[in-house]
C-alpha atoms as a PDB file:
ATOM      1  CA  MET A   1      35.055   3.686 -44.449  1.00  0.00           C
ATOM      2  CA  SER A   2      35.698   6.474 -46.991  1.00  0.00           C
ATOM      3  CA  LYS A   3      38.077   5.774 -49.775  1.00  0.00           C
ATOM      4  CA  PRO A   4      41.481   7.348 -49.310  1.00  0.00           C
ATOM      5  CA  ILE A   5      42.415  10.547 -51.131  1.00  0.00           C
ATOM      6  CA  VAL A   6      45.427   9.948 -53.296  1.00  0.00           C
ATOM      7  CA  ALA A   7      47.407  12.948 -54.769  1.00  0.00           C
ATOM      8  CA  ILE A   8      49.279  12.288 -58.004  1.00  0.00           C
ATOM      9  CA  SER A   9      52.043  14.679 -59.277  1.00  0.00           C
ATOM     10  CA  MET A  10      52.240  15.403 -62.982  1.00  0.00           C
ATOM     11  CA  GLY A  11      56.024  14.749 -63.274  1.00  0.00           C
ATOM     12  CA  ASP A  12      57.956  16.724 -65.750  1.00  0.00           C
ATOM     13  CA  PRO A  13      55.549  18.563 -67.976  1.00  0.00           C
ATOM     14  CA  ALA A  14      57.787  17.670 -71.029  1.00  0.00           C
ATOM     15  CA  SER A  15      57.714  14.019 -70.130  1.00  0.00           C
ATOM     16  CA  ILE A  16      55.209  11.109 -70.357  1.00  0.00           C
ATOM     17  CA  GLY A  17      54.087  12.061 -66.764  1.00  0.00           C
ATOM     18  CA  PRO A  18      50.942  14.007 -67.575  1.00  0.00           C
ATOM     19  CA  GLU A  19      49.939  11.466 -70.208  1.00  0.00           C
ATOM     20  CA  ILE A  20      50.192   8.387 -67.887  1.00  0.00           C
ATOM     21  CA  ALA A  21      48.450  10.265 -65.054  1.00  0.00           C
ATOM     22  CA  VAL A  22      45.359  11.051 -67.223  1.00  0.00           C
ATOM     23  CA  LYS A  23      45.315   7.610 -68.745  1.00  0.00           C
ATOM     24  CA  ALA A  24      45.303   6.074 -65.293  1.00  0.00           C
ATOM     25  CA  LEU A  25      42.482   8.219 -64.079  1.00  0.00           C
ATOM     26  CA  LEU A  26      40.332   7.072 -67.078  1.00  0.00           C
ATOM     27  CA  GLN A  27      40.258   3.617 -65.467  1.00  0.00           C
ATOM     28  CA  ASP A  28      37.169   2.683 -63.384  1.00  0.00           C
ATOM     29  CA  ALA A  29      39.337   0.734 -60.966  1.00  0.00           C
ATOM     30  CA  VAL A  30      41.109   3.841 -59.752  1.00  0.00           C
ATOM     31  CA  TYR A  31      37.836   5.602 -58.697  1.00  0.00           C
ATOM     32  CA  ASP A  32      36.564   2.345 -57.274  1.00  0.00           C
ATOM     33  CA  SER A  33      39.435   2.181 -54.881  1.00  0.00           C
ATOM     34  CA  CYS A  34      40.226   5.804 -54.064  1.00  0.00           C
ATOM     35  CA  ARG A  35      39.566   9.549 -54.551  1.00  0.00           C
ATOM     36  CA  PRO A  36      42.341  10.618 -56.908  1.00  0.00           C
ATOM     37  CA  LEU A  37      43.457  14.137 -57.666  1.00  0.00           C
ATOM     38  CA  LEU A  38      46.334  15.486 -59.725  1.00  0.00           C
ATOM     39  CA  VAL A  39      48.794  18.123 -58.556  1.00  0.00           C
ATOM     40  CA  GLY A  40      50.566  20.335 -61.155  1.00  0.00           C
ATOM     41  CA  ASP A  41      49.450  22.641 -63.925  1.00  0.00           C
ATOM     42  CA  ALA A  42      46.001  22.423 -65.379  1.00  0.00           C
ATOM     43  CA  VAL A  43      47.104  23.731 -68.791  1.00  0.00           C
ATOM     44  CA  VAL A  44      49.600  20.840 -69.128  1.00  0.00           C
ATOM     45  CA  PHE A  45      46.906  18.223 -68.509  1.00  0.00           C
ATOM     46  CA  LYS A  46      44.488  20.005 -70.713  1.00  0.00           C
ATOM     47  CA  GLN A  47      47.043  20.196 -73.495  1.00  0.00           C
ATOM     48  CA  ILE A  48      47.756  16.384 -73.409  1.00  0.00           C
ATOM     49  CA  ILE A  49      43.995  15.636 -73.272  1.00  0.00           C
ATOM     50  CA  ASP A  50      43.407  17.739 -76.311  1.00  0.00           C
ATOM     51  CA  LYS A  51      46.366  16.446 -78.214  1.00  0.00           C
ATOM     52  CA  LEU A  52      45.608  12.821 -77.619  1.00  0.00           C
ATOM     53  CA  GLN A  53      41.811  13.272 -77.772  1.00  0.00           C
ATOM     54  CA  LEU A  54      41.390  11.558 -74.473  1.00  0.00           C
ATOM     55  CA  PRO A  55      37.864  11.351 -73.025  1.00  0.00           C
ATOM     56  CA  ALA A  56      38.359  13.690 -69.967  1.00  0.00           C
ATOM     57  CA  GLU A  57      38.155  17.253 -68.913  1.00  0.00           C
ATOM     58  CA  VAL A  58      40.123  19.131 -66.379  1.00  0.00           C
ATOM     59  CA  HIS A  59      38.643  20.654 -63.214  1.00  0.00           C
ATOM     60  CA  ALA A  60      41.094  23.147 -61.926  1.00  0.00           C
ATOM     61  CA  ILE A  61      41.007  23.706 -58.209  1.00  0.00           C
ATOM     62  CA  GLN A  62      43.080  25.374 -55.481  1.00  0.00           C
ATOM     63  CA  SER A  63      42.298  23.147 -52.534  1.00  0.00           C
ATOM     64  CA  VAL A  64      41.405  19.545 -51.875  1.00  0.00           C
ATOM     65  CA  LYS A  65      37.874  20.475 -50.566  1.00  0.00           C
ATOM     66  CA  GLU A  66      37.024  21.732 -54.149  1.00  0.00           C
ATOM     67  CA  ALA A  67      37.604  18.309 -55.588  1.00  0.00           C
ATOM     68  CA  GLY A  68      34.575  16.441 -57.022  1.00  0.00           C
ATOM     69  CA  PHE A  69      36.242  12.957 -57.550  1.00  0.00           C
ATOM     70  CA  ILE A  70      34.159  12.285 -60.600  1.00  0.00           C
ATOM     71  CA  LYS A  71      35.547   9.938 -63.292  1.00  0.00           C
ATOM     72  CA  GLY A  72      36.031  11.854 -66.464  1.00  0.00           C
ATOM     73  CA  THR A  73      36.294  15.166 -64.815  1.00  0.00           C
ATOM     74  CA  ILE A  74      39.870  15.145 -63.519  1.00  0.00           C
ATOM     75  CA  ASP A  75      40.580  17.320 -60.435  1.00  0.00           C
ATOM     76  CA  VAL A  76      43.800  19.209 -60.695  1.00  0.00           C
ATOM     77  CA  ILE A  77      45.334  21.305 -57.886  1.00  0.00           C
ATOM     78  CA  ASP A  78      46.535  23.964 -60.240  1.00  0.00           C
ATOM     79  CA  LEU A  79      49.885  25.482 -59.510  1.00  0.00           C
ATOM     80  CA  GLY A  80      50.067  27.686 -62.610  1.00  0.00           C
ATOM     81  CA  ILE A  81      53.827  27.417 -63.253  1.00  0.00           C
ATOM     82  CA  THR A  82      54.391  25.989 -66.672  1.00  0.00           C
ATOM     83  CA  ASP A  83      54.503  28.384 -69.598  1.00  0.00           C
ATOM     84  CA  ILE A  84      52.554  26.289 -72.069  1.00  0.00           C
ATOM     85  CA  ARG A  85      53.695  28.541 -75.060  1.00  0.00           C
ATOM     86  CA  GLN A  86      57.320  27.486 -74.340  1.00  0.00           C
ATOM     87  CA  LEU A  87      56.787  23.759 -73.499  1.00  0.00           C
ATOM     88  CA  GLN A  88      58.433  21.293 -75.770  1.00  0.00           C
ATOM     89  CA  PHE A  89      58.052  17.622 -75.310  1.00  0.00           C
ATOM     90  CA  GLY A  90      61.245  15.756 -74.621  1.00  0.00           C
ATOM     91  CA  LYS A  91      63.337  18.784 -73.771  1.00  0.00           C
ATOM     92  CA  ILE A  92      65.295  19.540 -70.525  1.00  0.00           C
ATOM     93  CA  ASP A  93      63.971  22.845 -69.327  1.00  0.00           C
ATOM     94  CA  PRO A  94      64.416  24.565 -65.869  1.00  0.00           C
ATOM     95  CA  ASN A  95      60.807  25.907 -66.125  1.00  0.00           C
ATOM     96  CA  CYS A  96      59.660  22.267 -66.385  1.00  0.00           C
ATOM     97  CA  GLY A  97      62.018  21.372 -63.567  1.00  0.00           C
ATOM     98  CA  GLU A  98      60.465  24.138 -61.420  1.00  0.00           C
ATOM     99  CA  ALA A  99      56.897  23.026 -62.129  1.00  0.00           C
ATOM    100  CA  SER A 100      57.586  19.357 -61.429  1.00  0.00           C
ATOM    101  CA  PHE A 101      59.452  20.169 -58.226  1.00  0.00           C
ATOM    102  CA  GLN A 102      56.715  22.421 -56.896  1.00  0.00           C
ATOM    103  CA  ALA A 103      54.052  19.732 -57.635  1.00  0.00           C
ATOM    104  CA  VAL A 104      56.079  17.321 -55.460  1.00  0.00           C
ATOM    105  CA  LYS A 105      56.596  19.816 -52.631  1.00  0.00           C
ATOM    106  CA  LYS A 106      52.899  20.696 -52.641  1.00  0.00           C
ATOM    107  CA  MET A 107      51.894  16.972 -52.378  1.00  0.00           C
ATOM    108  CA  ILE A 108      54.231  16.547 -49.391  1.00  0.00           C
ATOM    109  CA  GLU A 109      52.710  19.607 -47.711  1.00  0.00           C
ATOM    110  CA  LEU A 110      49.166  18.288 -48.321  1.00  0.00           C
ATOM    111  CA  ALA A 111      50.082  14.833 -46.917  1.00  0.00           C
ATOM    112  CA  MET A 112      51.860  16.313 -43.899  1.00  0.00           C
ATOM    113  CA  ALA A 113      48.828  18.382 -43.208  1.00  0.00           C
ATOM    114  CA  GLY A 114      46.547  15.306 -43.383  1.00  0.00           C
ATOM    115  CA  GLU A 115      44.644  16.672 -46.346  1.00  0.00           C
ATOM    116  CA  VAL A 116      45.507  13.681 -48.519  1.00  0.00           C
ATOM    117  CA  ASP A 117      46.023  10.020 -47.390  1.00  0.00           C
ATOM    118  CA  ALA A 118      48.845   9.162 -49.885  1.00  0.00           C
ATOM    119  CA  THR A 119      51.082  10.548 -52.639  1.00  0.00           C
ATOM    120  CA  VAL A 120      52.027   9.063 -55.963  1.00  0.00           C
ATOM    121  CA  THR A 121      54.883  10.707 -58.008  1.00  0.00           C
ATOM    122  CA  GLY A 122      55.124  10.915 -61.773  1.00  0.00           C
ATOM    123  CA  PRO A 123      58.627  10.810 -63.478  1.00  0.00           C
ATOM    124  CA  ILE A 124      60.884  13.792 -62.980  1.00  0.00           C
ATOM    125  CA  ASN A 125      64.118  14.919 -64.762  1.00  0.00           C
ATOM    126  CA  LYS A 126      66.879  15.454 -62.338  1.00  0.00           C
ATOM    127  CA  LYS A 127      68.807  17.767 -64.634  1.00  0.00           C
ATOM    128  CA  SER A 128      65.751  20.002 -65.161  1.00  0.00           C
ATOM    129  CA  ILE A 129      65.160  20.261 -61.386  1.00  0.00           C
ATOM    130  CA  ASN A 130      68.751  20.935 -60.597  1.00  0.00           C
ATOM    131  CA  GLU A 131      68.819  23.695 -63.370  1.00  0.00           C
ATOM    132  CA  ALA A 132      65.818  25.218 -61.642  1.00  0.00           C
ATOM    133  CA  GLY A 133      67.892  25.515 -58.465  1.00  0.00           C
ATOM    134  CA  HIS A 134      66.703  22.508 -56.511  1.00  0.00           C
ATOM    135  CA  HIS A 135      69.753  20.343 -55.899  1.00  0.00           C
ATOM    136  CA  PHE A 136      68.355  16.897 -55.016  1.00  0.00           C
ATOM    137  CA  ALA A 137      69.309  13.595 -56.462  1.00  0.00           C
ATOM    138  CA  GLY A 138      65.655  12.455 -56.835  1.00  0.00           C
ATOM    139  CA  HIS A 139      62.299  12.130 -55.314  1.00  0.00           C
ATOM    140  CA  THR A 140      63.511   9.999 -52.402  1.00  0.00           C
ATOM    141  CA  GLU A 141      65.813  12.717 -51.160  1.00  0.00           C
ATOM    142  CA  ILE A 142      63.109  15.466 -51.657  1.00  0.00           C
ATOM    143  CA  TYR A 143      60.740  13.567 -49.513  1.00  0.00           C
ATOM    144  CA  ALA A 144      63.373  12.865 -46.836  1.00  0.00           C
ATOM    145  CA  HIS A 145      64.329  16.594 -46.759  1.00  0.00           C
ATOM    146  CA  TYR A 146      60.776  18.022 -46.450  1.00  0.00           C
ATOM    147  CA  THR A 147      59.585  15.399 -44.006  1.00  0.00           C
ATOM    148  CA  GLY A 148      62.704  15.536 -41.867  1.00  0.00           C
ATOM    149  CA  THR A 149      63.364  11.783 -42.199  1.00  0.00           C
ATOM    150  CA  LYS A 150      66.775  10.370 -41.565  1.00  0.00           C
ATOM    151  CA  LYS A 151      66.189   6.717 -41.897  1.00  0.00           C
ATOM    152  CA  TYR A 152      64.638   5.672 -45.198  1.00  0.00           C
ATOM    153  CA  ALA A 153      65.041   3.343 -48.056  1.00  0.00           C
ATOM    154  CA  MET A 154      63.782   2.655 -51.587  1.00  0.00           C
ATOM    155  CA  LEU A 155      61.659  -0.398 -52.110  1.00  0.00           C
ATOM    156  CA  LEU A 156      60.801  -1.615 -55.636  1.00  0.00           C
ATOM    157  CA  VAL A 157      57.762  -3.818 -56.017  1.00  0.00           C
ATOM    158  CA  GLU A 158      56.900  -5.989 -58.948  1.00  0.00           C
ATOM    159  CA  ASP A 159      54.918  -9.239 -59.383  1.00  0.00           C
ATOM    160  CA  HIS A 160      57.865 -11.588 -58.527  1.00  0.00           C
ATOM    161  CA  ILE A 161      60.663  -9.355 -57.200  1.00  0.00           C
ATOM    162  CA  ASN A 162      60.587  -6.935 -54.286  1.00  0.00           C
ATOM    163  CA  VAL A 163      63.834  -5.260 -53.668  1.00  0.00           C
ATOM    164  CA  ILE A 164      65.148  -2.705 -51.088  1.00  0.00           C
ATOM    165  CA  HIS A 165      68.459  -0.864 -51.465  1.00  0.00           C
ATOM    166  CA  VAL A 166      71.156  -0.080 -48.916  1.00  0.00           C
ATOM    167  CA  SER A 167      72.140   2.869 -50.952  1.00  0.00           C
ATOM    168  CA  THR A 168      70.716   4.485 -54.094  1.00  0.00           C
ATOM    169  CA  HIS A 169      71.802   7.792 -55.654  1.00  0.00           C
ATOM    170  CA  VAL A 170      75.536   7.788 -54.896  1.00  0.00           C
ATOM    171  CA  SER A 171      78.641   6.905 -56.801  1.00  0.00           C
ATOM    172  CA  LEU A 172      79.603   3.209 -57.048  1.00  0.00           C
ATOM    173  CA  ARG A 173      82.663   3.943 -55.015  1.00  0.00           C
ATOM    174  CA  GLN A 174      80.647   5.608 -52.219  1.00  0.00           C
ATOM    175  CA  ALA A 175      78.028   2.710 -52.409  1.00  0.00           C
ATOM    176  CA  CYS A 176      80.720   0.265 -51.453  1.00  0.00           C
ATOM    177  CA  ASP A 177      81.667   2.361 -48.512  1.00  0.00           C
ATOM    178  CA  LEU A 178      78.120   2.437 -47.374  1.00  0.00           C
ATOM    179  CA  VAL A 179      77.755  -1.358 -47.041  1.00  0.00           C
ATOM    180  CA  LYS A 180      77.668  -1.418 -43.190  1.00  0.00           C
ATOM    181  CA  LYS A 181      76.137  -3.828 -40.699  1.00  0.00           C
ATOM    182  CA  ASP A 182      73.760  -1.405 -39.046  1.00  0.00           C
ATOM    183  CA  ARG A 183      72.431  -0.041 -42.283  1.00  0.00           C
ATOM    184  CA  ILE A 184      71.819  -3.510 -43.631  1.00  0.00           C
ATOM    185  CA  VAL A 185      69.880  -4.486 -40.463  1.00  0.00           C
ATOM    186  CA  GLU A 186      67.831  -1.302 -40.792  1.00  0.00           C
ATOM    187  CA  VAL A 187      66.786  -1.991 -44.314  1.00  0.00           C
ATOM    188  CA  ILE A 188      65.904  -5.585 -43.488  1.00  0.00           C
ATOM    189  CA  GLU A 189      63.584  -4.179 -40.849  1.00  0.00           C
ATOM    190  CA  LEU A 190      62.132  -1.670 -43.321  1.00  0.00           C
ATOM    191  CA  ILE A 191      61.485  -4.195 -46.038  1.00  0.00           C
ATOM    192  CA  VAL A 192      59.620  -6.642 -43.713  1.00  0.00           C
ATOM    193  CA  ASP A 193      57.472  -3.930 -42.297  1.00  0.00           C
ATOM    194  CA  GLY A 194      56.727  -2.730 -45.911  1.00  0.00           C
ATOM    195  CA  LEU A 195      55.850  -6.202 -47.229  1.00  0.00           C
ATOM    196  CA  LYS A 196      53.441  -6.601 -44.309  1.00  0.00           C
ATOM    197  CA  LYS A 197      51.719  -3.320 -45.038  1.00  0.00           C
ATOM    198  CA  LEU A 198      51.398  -4.291 -48.705  1.00  0.00           C
ATOM    199  CA  GLY A 199      49.663  -7.503 -47.713  1.00  0.00           C
ATOM    200  CA  LYS A 200      52.516  -9.818 -48.692  1.00  0.00           C
ATOM    201  CA  THR A 201      52.725 -13.183 -46.864  1.00  0.00           C
ATOM    202  CA  ASN A 202      56.157 -14.421 -47.938  1.00  0.00           C
ATOM    203  CA  LEU A 203      58.493 -12.613 -45.571  1.00  0.00           C
ATOM    204  CA  LYS A 204      61.739 -14.546 -46.170  1.00  0.00           C
ATOM    205  CA  ILE A 205      64.417 -12.113 -47.110  1.00  0.00           C
ATOM    206  CA  GLY A 206      67.422 -12.758 -49.273  1.00  0.00           C
ATOM    207  CA  VAL A 207      70.469 -10.411 -48.768  1.00  0.00           C
ATOM    208  CA  ALA A 208      72.823  -9.950 -51.707  1.00  0.00           C
ATOM    209  CA  GLY A 209      76.523 -10.035 -51.459  1.00  0.00           C
ATOM    210  CA  LEU A 210      78.540  -7.063 -52.630  1.00  0.00           C
ATOM    211  CA  ASN A 211      81.407  -8.718 -54.395  1.00  0.00           C
ATOM    212  CA  PRO A 212      81.379 -11.385 -57.062  1.00  0.00           C
ATOM    213  CA  HIS A 213      80.380 -14.740 -55.518  1.00  0.00           C
ATOM    214  CA  ALA A 214      79.701 -12.799 -52.280  1.00  0.00           C
ATOM    215  CA  GLY A 215      83.437 -12.393 -51.825  1.00  0.00           C
ATOM    216  CA  ASP A 216      84.181 -16.133 -52.039  1.00  0.00           C
ATOM    217  CA  SER A 217      85.526 -16.253 -48.415  1.00  0.00           C
ATOM    218  CA  GLY A 218      87.599 -13.108 -48.797  1.00  0.00           C
ATOM    219  CA  LEU A 219      89.089 -13.851 -52.210  1.00  0.00           C
ATOM    220  CA  PHE A 220      87.257 -10.976 -53.867  1.00  0.00           C
ATOM    221  CA  GLY A 221      86.829  -8.526 -51.061  1.00  0.00           C
ATOM    222  CA  THR A 222      86.013  -8.507 -47.342  1.00  0.00           C
ATOM    223  CA  GLU A 223      82.765  -6.584 -47.067  1.00  0.00           C
ATOM    224  CA  ASP A 224      80.618  -9.740 -47.396  1.00  0.00           C
ATOM    225  CA  ASP A 225      82.340 -11.387 -44.374  1.00  0.00           C
ATOM    226  CA  LEU A 226      82.904  -8.296 -42.306  1.00  0.00           C
ATOM    227  CA  GLU A 227      79.595  -6.358 -42.739  1.00  0.00           C
ATOM    228  CA  ILE A 228      76.889  -8.293 -44.595  1.00  0.00           C
ATOM    229  CA  ALA A 229      77.253 -11.740 -42.864  1.00  0.00           C
ATOM    230  CA  PRO A 230      77.164 -10.146 -39.334  1.00  0.00           C
ATOM    231  CA  ALA A 231      74.081  -8.127 -40.376  1.00  0.00           C
ATOM    232  CA  VAL A 232      72.266 -11.297 -41.460  1.00  0.00           C
ATOM    233  CA  GLU A 233      73.077 -12.944 -38.157  1.00  0.00           C
ATOM    234  CA  ALA A 234      71.952  -9.857 -36.188  1.00  0.00           C
ATOM    235  CA  ALA A 235      68.643  -9.855 -38.189  1.00  0.00           C
ATOM    236  CA  LYS A 236      68.095 -13.492 -37.440  1.00  0.00           C
ATOM    237  CA  ALA A 237      68.601 -12.801 -33.765  1.00  0.00           C
ATOM    238  CA  LEU A 238      65.823 -10.216 -34.018  1.00  0.00           C
ATOM    239  CA  GLY A 239      63.551 -12.910 -35.367  1.00  0.00           C
ATOM    240  CA  TYR A 240      63.662 -12.251 -39.101  1.00  0.00           C
ATOM    241  CA  ASP A 241      63.701 -15.019 -41.632  1.00  0.00           C
ATOM    242  CA  VAL A 242      66.703 -13.934 -43.661  1.00  0.00           C
ATOM    243  CA  GLU A 243      69.432 -15.571 -45.738  1.00  0.00           C
ATOM    244  CA  GLY A 244      72.805 -14.237 -46.997  1.00  0.00           C
ATOM    245  CA  PRO A 245      75.072 -12.998 -48.194  1.00  0.00           C
ATOM    246  CA  VAL A 246      73.782 -14.673 -51.411  1.00  0.00           C
ATOM    247  CA  PRO A 247      75.707 -14.000 -54.750  1.00  0.00           C
ATOM    248  CA  PRO A 248      73.420 -11.568 -56.427  1.00  0.00           C
ATOM    249  CA  ASP A 249      73.220 -13.447 -59.746  1.00  0.00           C
ATOM    250  CA  THR A 250      71.895 -16.462 -57.783  1.00  0.00           C
ATOM    251  CA  MET A 251      69.738 -14.406 -55.402  1.00  0.00           C
ATOM    252  CA  PHE A 252      67.652 -12.636 -58.071  1.00  0.00           C
ATOM    253  CA  ALA A 253      67.073 -15.893 -59.979  1.00  0.00           C
ATOM    254  CA  LYS A 254      65.781 -17.476 -56.822  1.00  0.00           C
ATOM    255  CA  ALA A 255      63.636 -14.493 -55.907  1.00  0.00           C
ATOM    256  CA  ALA A 256      62.086 -14.599 -59.372  1.00  0.00           C
ATOM    257  CA  MET A 257      61.045 -18.214 -58.644  1.00  0.00           C
ATOM    258  CA  GLY A 258      59.398 -17.305 -55.332  1.00  0.00           C
ATOM    259  CA  ALA A 259      62.177 -18.298 -52.960  1.00  0.00           C
ATOM    260  CA  TYR A 260      62.276 -14.895 -51.287  1.00  0.00           C
ATOM    261  CA  GLY A 261      59.384 -12.528 -50.568  1.00  0.00           C
ATOM    262  CA  GLY A 262      61.920  -9.680 -50.659  1.00  0.00           C
ATOM    263  CA  VAL A 263      65.584  -9.094 -51.271  1.00  0.00           C
ATOM    264  CA  VAL A 264      68.189  -6.562 -50.124  1.00  0.00           C
ATOM    265  CA  ALA A 265      70.375  -5.030 -52.875  1.00  0.00           C
ATOM    266  CA  MET A 266      73.674  -3.304 -51.795  1.00  0.00           C
ATOM    267  CA  TYR A 267      73.502  -0.540 -54.358  1.00  0.00           C
ATOM    268  CA  HIS A 268      71.243   1.141 -57.019  1.00  0.00           C
ATOM    269  CA  ASP A 269      71.944  -0.953 -60.168  1.00  0.00           C
ATOM    270  CA  GLN A 270      72.434  -4.226 -58.429  1.00  0.00           C
ATOM    271  CA  GLY A 271      68.683  -4.013 -57.583  1.00  0.00           C
ATOM    272  CA  HIS A 272      67.323  -1.933 -60.497  1.00  0.00           C
ATOM    273  CA  ILE A 273      68.713  -3.903 -63.438  1.00  0.00           C
ATOM    274  CA  PRO A 274      67.078  -7.431 -62.579  1.00  0.00           C
ATOM    275  CA  PHE A 275      63.964  -5.583 -61.391  1.00  0.00           C
ATOM    276  CA  LYS A 276      63.455  -3.719 -64.700  1.00  0.00           C
ATOM    277  CA  LEU A 277      64.301  -6.815 -66.676  1.00  0.00           C
ATOM    278  CA  ALA A 278      61.373  -8.578 -64.892  1.00  0.00           C
ATOM    279  CA  GLY A 279      58.882  -5.689 -65.262  1.00  0.00           C
ATOM    280  CA  PHE A 280      59.586  -4.050 -68.531  1.00  0.00           C
ATOM    281  CA  LYS A 281      58.355  -5.847 -71.635  1.00  0.00           C
ATOM    282  CA  TRP A 282      59.229  -4.591 -75.161  1.00  0.00           C
ATOM    283  CA  ASN A 283      57.129  -5.463 -78.341  1.00  0.00           C
ATOM    284  CA  ALA A 284      59.659  -5.535 -81.115  1.00  0.00           C
ATOM    285  CA  GLU A 285      56.943  -5.853 -83.753  1.00  0.00           C
ATOM    286  CA  LYS A 286      54.946  -2.829 -82.617  1.00  0.00           C
ATOM    287  CA  GLN A 287      58.094  -0.988 -81.512  1.00  0.00           C
ATOM    288  CA  GLN A 288      56.603  -0.028 -78.227  1.00  0.00           C
ATOM    289  CA  MET A 289      56.323  -1.301 -74.638  1.00  0.00           C
ATOM    290  CA  ASP A 290      53.682  -3.902 -73.930  1.00  0.00           C
ATOM    291  CA  SER A 291      53.991  -3.192 -70.292  1.00  0.00           C
ATOM    292  CA  VAL A 292      56.108  -1.136 -67.825  1.00  0.00           C
ATOM    293  CA  LYS A 293      55.486  -2.654 -64.474  1.00  0.00           C
ATOM    294  CA  GLY A 294      57.161  -1.588 -61.323  1.00  0.00           C
ATOM    295  CA  VAL A 295      56.410   0.549 -58.281  1.00  0.00           C
ATOM    296  CA  ASN A 296      58.896   2.565 -56.160  1.00  0.00           C
ATOM    297  CA  ILE A 297      57.896   3.049 -52.532  1.00  0.00           C
ATOM    298  CA  THR A 298      59.888   5.142 -50.088  1.00  0.00           C
ATOM    299  CA  LEU A 299      59.842   3.357 -46.634  1.00  0.00           C
ATOM    300  CA  GLY A 300      60.460   5.133 -43.417  1.00  0.00           C
ATOM    301  CA  LEU A 301      58.633   8.311 -44.210  1.00  0.00           C
ATOM    302  CA  PRO A 302      55.843   9.699 -41.949  1.00  0.00           C
ATOM    303  CA  ILE A 303      53.657   9.942 -45.109  1.00  0.00           C
ATOM    304  CA  ILE A 304      52.935   7.502 -47.988  1.00  0.00           C
ATOM    305  CA  ARG A 305      54.880   7.915 -51.229  1.00  0.00           C
ATOM    306  CA  THR A 306      54.676   5.559 -54.177  1.00  0.00           C
ATOM    307  CA  SER A 307      55.923   6.136 -57.704  1.00  0.00           C
ATOM    308  CA  VAL A 308      56.304   4.692 -61.127  1.00  0.00           C
ATOM    309  CA  ASP A 309      59.641   2.998 -61.454  1.00  0.00           C
ATOM    310  CA  HIS A 310      60.564   4.394 -64.763  1.00  0.00           C
ATOM    311  CA  GLY A 311      61.924   7.737 -66.136  1.00  0.00           C
ATOM    312  CA  THR A 312      60.490  10.547 -68.092  1.00  0.00           C
ATOM    313  CA  ALA A 313      60.785   8.685 -71.438  1.00  0.00           C
ATOM    314  CA  PHE A 314      61.439  11.968 -73.355  1.00  0.00           C
ATOM    315  CA  GLU A 315      61.777  10.102 -76.561  1.00  0.00           C
ATOM    316  CA  ILE A 316      58.057   9.099 -76.603  1.00  0.00           C
ATOM    317  CA  ALA A 317      56.549  12.103 -74.746  1.00  0.00           C
ATOM    318  CA  GLY A 318      53.452  13.490 -76.445  1.00  0.00           C
ATOM    319  CA  LYS A 319      53.137  10.605 -78.897  1.00  0.00           C
ATOM    320  CA  GLY A 320      50.281   8.859 -77.047  1.00  0.00           C
ATOM    321  CA  ILE A 321      52.017   5.500 -76.762  1.00  0.00           C
ATOM    322  CA  ALA A 322      53.133   5.604 -73.078  1.00  0.00           C
ATOM    323  CA  SER A 323      51.917   2.740 -70.795  1.00  0.00           C
ATOM    324  CA  ALA A 324      50.035   3.717 -67.720  1.00  0.00           C
ATOM    325  CA  ASP A 325      50.669   0.232 -66.144  1.00  0.00           C
ATOM    326  CA  ALA A 326      53.234   1.473 -63.597  1.00  0.00           C
ATOM    327  CA  MET A 327      51.135   4.392 -62.630  1.00  0.00           C
ATOM    328  CA  LEU A 328      48.153   2.145 -62.038  1.00  0.00           C
ATOM    329  CA  LEU A 329      50.229  -0.191 -59.833  1.00  0.00           C
ATOM    330  CA  ALA A 330      51.700   2.848 -58.034  1.00  0.00           C
ATOM    331  CA  ILE A 331      48.111   4.005 -57.193  1.00  0.00           C
ATOM    332  CA  GLU A 332      47.099   0.557 -56.219  1.00  0.00           C
ATOM    333  CA  SER A 333      50.033   0.201 -53.869  1.00  0.00           C
ATOM    334  CA  ALA A 334      49.333   3.746 -52.343  1.00  0.00           C
ATOM    335  CA  VAL A 335      45.749   2.660 -51.638  1.00  0.00           C
ATOM    336  CA  GLN A 336      46.962  -0.591 -50.019  1.00  0.00           C
ATOM    337  CA  LEU A 337      49.303   1.262 -47.771  1.00  0.00           C
ATOM    338  CA  ALA A 338      46.687   3.903 -46.897  1.00  0.00           C
ATOM    339  CA  LYS A 339      44.269   1.157 -45.839  1.00  0.00           C
ATOM    340  CA  HIS A 340      46.927  -0.320 -43.544  1.00  0.00           C
ATOM    341  CA  GLN A 341      47.752   3.186 -42.116  1.00  0.00           C
ATOM    342  CA  SER A 342      44.201   3.926 -41.282  1.00  0.00           C
END
């Protein structure tokens, strides 16, 4: 069986996206597992390679069939959007927003056409994209729009915690209103299916409460009793091994110890904060990250999309100290999903 073709977007040109993409493709393990190619602007990748003196060269192409997939010669589907003369690391810029958006859109088109087997996204800046005229809250919404997907969810994957969200890029007030029985059952189904495709064997799911102490029998809110508990019972009736609503401070501690194979968070920060505490390790002595582990997977799409679960890190862009850990894990997850899909 041939290795899957994995397309990787450059992210925002002013971010660490191009750097971590190139660094990842310098690893033998990537080419051992897949046929990778980058999507974006060849001049951006050439600039970061030259600036950091990385042992690679750019092979600019216009179609997948032109790719050589040779380690050290990085294939880039060149969109030619970024004005390299105006590029400034760490700056919000609509030109960078346009370039990063079009790279994502191009990957979606390639995947929908069956020309690539999976897509991996580098970090984008939402303000830059919106200033370029593309009014999306993030990658997840871009993918949902261009694939015509209505039912989808964000899954975060790390060594010890796998978390899916009932809602993501909405206000906290709106997030509370979106805690509904049917949606919770839907994301339970999505996370179990996703864990299976990733080769996970622990399929016990913990479902977080929304309110402190999961409402404490209605003392601190009624959503836990009226929406979350019925959803858990409905999921059990469908045959899922699920527990909840569990107070989130307890649930994430138990998940880190292996009690759950996956957990359901009710809103963005409820899931992201403990997840990033588990995966992001800062070296105070060196004043840099030792590791940035975490993969973002969009479930429910007709194509495969994984991503690093960190931002643009504008403050260190172009300095050569960005960790490619999350990008490597995102590629690894994309390969795993592609194998299952095939």
